[in-house]
Amino acid sequence: MTTTRRKVTISTDMRKVKKLLKEVPEDRQPIATGIYNELVFMQNTLATLKAQVEDEGPVNMFKQGKQEFLREHPALKAYNTTIQRFSLLYKQLIDLLPRTEIEAQNDALMDFINGG
């Protein structure tokens, strides 16, 4: 079995995220870089899956023996799973960034409001 490697494209959004990596503390850089690389891969995968669903539709006919029925397109199922993981990884990357002064003030205010 021969596989061909597709060219990885990096979107404008991911280029902006790459610039944010400079703000991650040095001790967390390897983690941030790993997450970023996975996000780039996932974004390319999502684009492929999305195009497939747009071309073929969200459902397809499935035949098993004599039975034939409509089911959710496997690409749509993979897209939905991948987009959830993408969002989680994105949040993990954002959480690696140093907190801003405004966030710290908001947390202090919420602590006060909550009686802390």
Protein backbone atom coordinates (compact mmCIF):
# COMPACT_ATOMS: atom_id res chain seq x y z
CA MET A 1 0.00 0.00 0.00
CA THR A 2 1.44 3.32 -1.04
CA THR A 3 0.40 6.53 0.61
CA THR A 4 0.98 9.98 -0.68
CA ARG A 5 1.57 12.84 1.68
CA ARG A 6 -0.65 15.80 1.14
CA LYS A 7 0.78 19.25 1.43
CA VAL A 8 -0.04 20.81 4.77
CA THR A 9 -1.54 24.24 4.42
CA ILE A 10 -1.48 26.70 7.27
CA SER A 11 -4.44 29.06 7.37
CA THR A 12 -4.24 32.75 8.19
CA ASP A 13 -5.87 32.01 11.54
CA MET A 14 -3.25 29.43 12.41
CA ARG A 15 -0.48 31.86 11.43
CA LYS A 16 -1.94 34.28 13.98
CA VAL A 17 -1.99 31.51 16.58
CA LYS A 18 1.67 30.75 15.79
CA LYS A 19 2.51 34.37 16.65
CA LEU A 20 0.75 33.94 19.99
CA LEU A 21 3.06 31.04 20.84
CA LYS A 22 5.80 33.58 21.53
CA GLU A 23 3.81 34.72 24.56
CA VAL A 24 3.72 31.24 26.12
CA PRO A 25 6.28 30.90 28.94
CA GLU A 26 9.47 29.17 27.85
CA ASP A 27 8.94 26.13 30.09
CA ARG A 28 5.60 25.48 28.34
CA GLN A 29 6.85 26.04 24.79
CA PRO A 30 7.25 22.34 23.90
CA ILE A 31 3.67 21.65 24.98
CA ALA A 32 2.35 24.67 23.10
CA THR A 33 4.25 23.72 19.95
CA GLY A 34 2.91 20.17 20.10
CA ILE A 35 -0.66 21.41 20.51
CA TYR A 36 -0.17 23.90 17.68
CA ASN A 37 1.08 21.17 15.33
CA GLU A 38 -1.93 19.00 16.15
CA LEU A 39 -4.26 21.96 15.57
CA VAL A 40 -2.75 22.54 12.11
CA PHE A 41 -3.22 18.86 11.26
CA MET A 42 -6.77 18.86 12.58
CA GLN A 43 -7.66 22.02 10.70
CA ASN A 44 -6.51 20.45 7.43
CA THR A 45 -8.43 17.27 8.26
CA LEU A 46 -11.54 19.29 9.04
CA ALA A 47 -11.30 21.08 5.70
CA THR A 48 -11.06 17.74 3.88
CA LEU A 49 -13.99 16.24 5.78
CA LYS A 50 -16.08 19.36 5.29
CA ALA A 51 -15.47 19.34 1.53
CA GLN A 52 -16.43 15.66 1.37
CA VAL A 53 -19.70 16.29 3.24
CA GLU A 54 -20.46 19.31 1.04
CA ASP A 55 -19.87 17.20 -2.09
CA GLU A 56 -21.65 14.03 -1.00
CA GLY A 57 -24.22 15.32 1.51
CA PRO A 58 -24.68 14.71 5.23
CA VAL A 59 -26.28 11.26 4.74
CA ASN A 60 -25.55 8.35 2.44
CA MET A 61 -27.07 5.01 1.54
CA PHE A 62 -25.65 2.09 3.44
CA LYS A 63 -26.13 -1.46 2.26
CA GLN A 64 -25.63 -4.44 4.52
CA GLY A 65 -26.72 -7.72 3.04
CA LYS A 66 -30.25 -7.23 1.72
CA GLN A 67 -30.88 -4.17 3.88
CA GLU A 68 -30.32 -0.70 2.55
CA PHE A 69 -30.88 2.47 4.55
CA LEU A 70 -29.79 6.09 4.99
CA ARG A 71 -27.21 6.84 7.64
CA GLU A 72 -25.10 9.75 8.77
CA HIS A 73 -22.18 10.16 6.38
CA PRO A 74 -19.01 8.77 8.00
CA ALA A 75 -17.17 11.99 7.04
CA LEU A 76 -19.76 14.02 8.95
CA LYS A 77 -19.35 11.80 11.99
CA ALA A 78 -15.56 12.18 11.81
CA TYR A 79 -15.94 15.96 11.32
CA ASN A 80 -18.14 16.30 14.41
CA THR A 81 -15.71 14.32 16.54
CA THR A 82 -12.67 16.17 15.21
CA ILE A 83 -14.19 19.64 15.67
CA GLN A 84 -14.87 18.84 19.33
CA ARG A 85 -11.27 17.73 19.87
CA PHE A 86 -10.02 20.76 17.93
CA SER A 87 -11.96 23.06 20.26
CA LEU A 88 -10.57 21.32 23.35
CA LEU A 89 -6.98 21.55 22.08
CA TYR A 90 -7.49 25.21 21.17
CA LYS A 91 -8.67 25.94 24.71
CA GLN A 92 -5.66 24.07 26.14
CA LEU A 93 -3.36 26.22 24.03
CA ILE A 94 -5.09 29.43 25.14
CA ASP A 95 -4.81 28.29 28.76
CA LEU A 96 -1.01 28.07 28.35
CA LEU A 97 -0.86 31.81 27.64
CA PRO A 98 -0.09 34.06 30.60
CA ARG A 99 -3.15 35.61 32.18
CA THR A 100 -3.80 39.20 31.32
CA GLU A 101 -4.21 41.87 33.97
CA ILE A 102 -7.89 42.27 33.06
CA GLU A 103 -8.54 38.53 33.55
CA ALA A 104 -6.86 38.68 36.96
CA GLN A 105 -9.03 41.67 37.95
CA ASN A 106 -12.19 39.91 36.75
CA ASP A 107 -11.27 36.81 38.78
CA ALA A 108 -10.69 38.95 41.87
CA LEU A 109 -14.07 40.64 41.36
CA MET A 110 -15.82 37.28 40.94
CA ASP A 111 -14.10 35.95 44.07
CA PHE A 112 -15.37 38.97 46.00
CA ILE A 113 -18.90 38.59 44.59
CA ASN A 114 -18.93 34.89 45.45
CA GLY A 115 -17.85 35.68 49.02
CA GLY A 116 -14.27 34.48 48.59
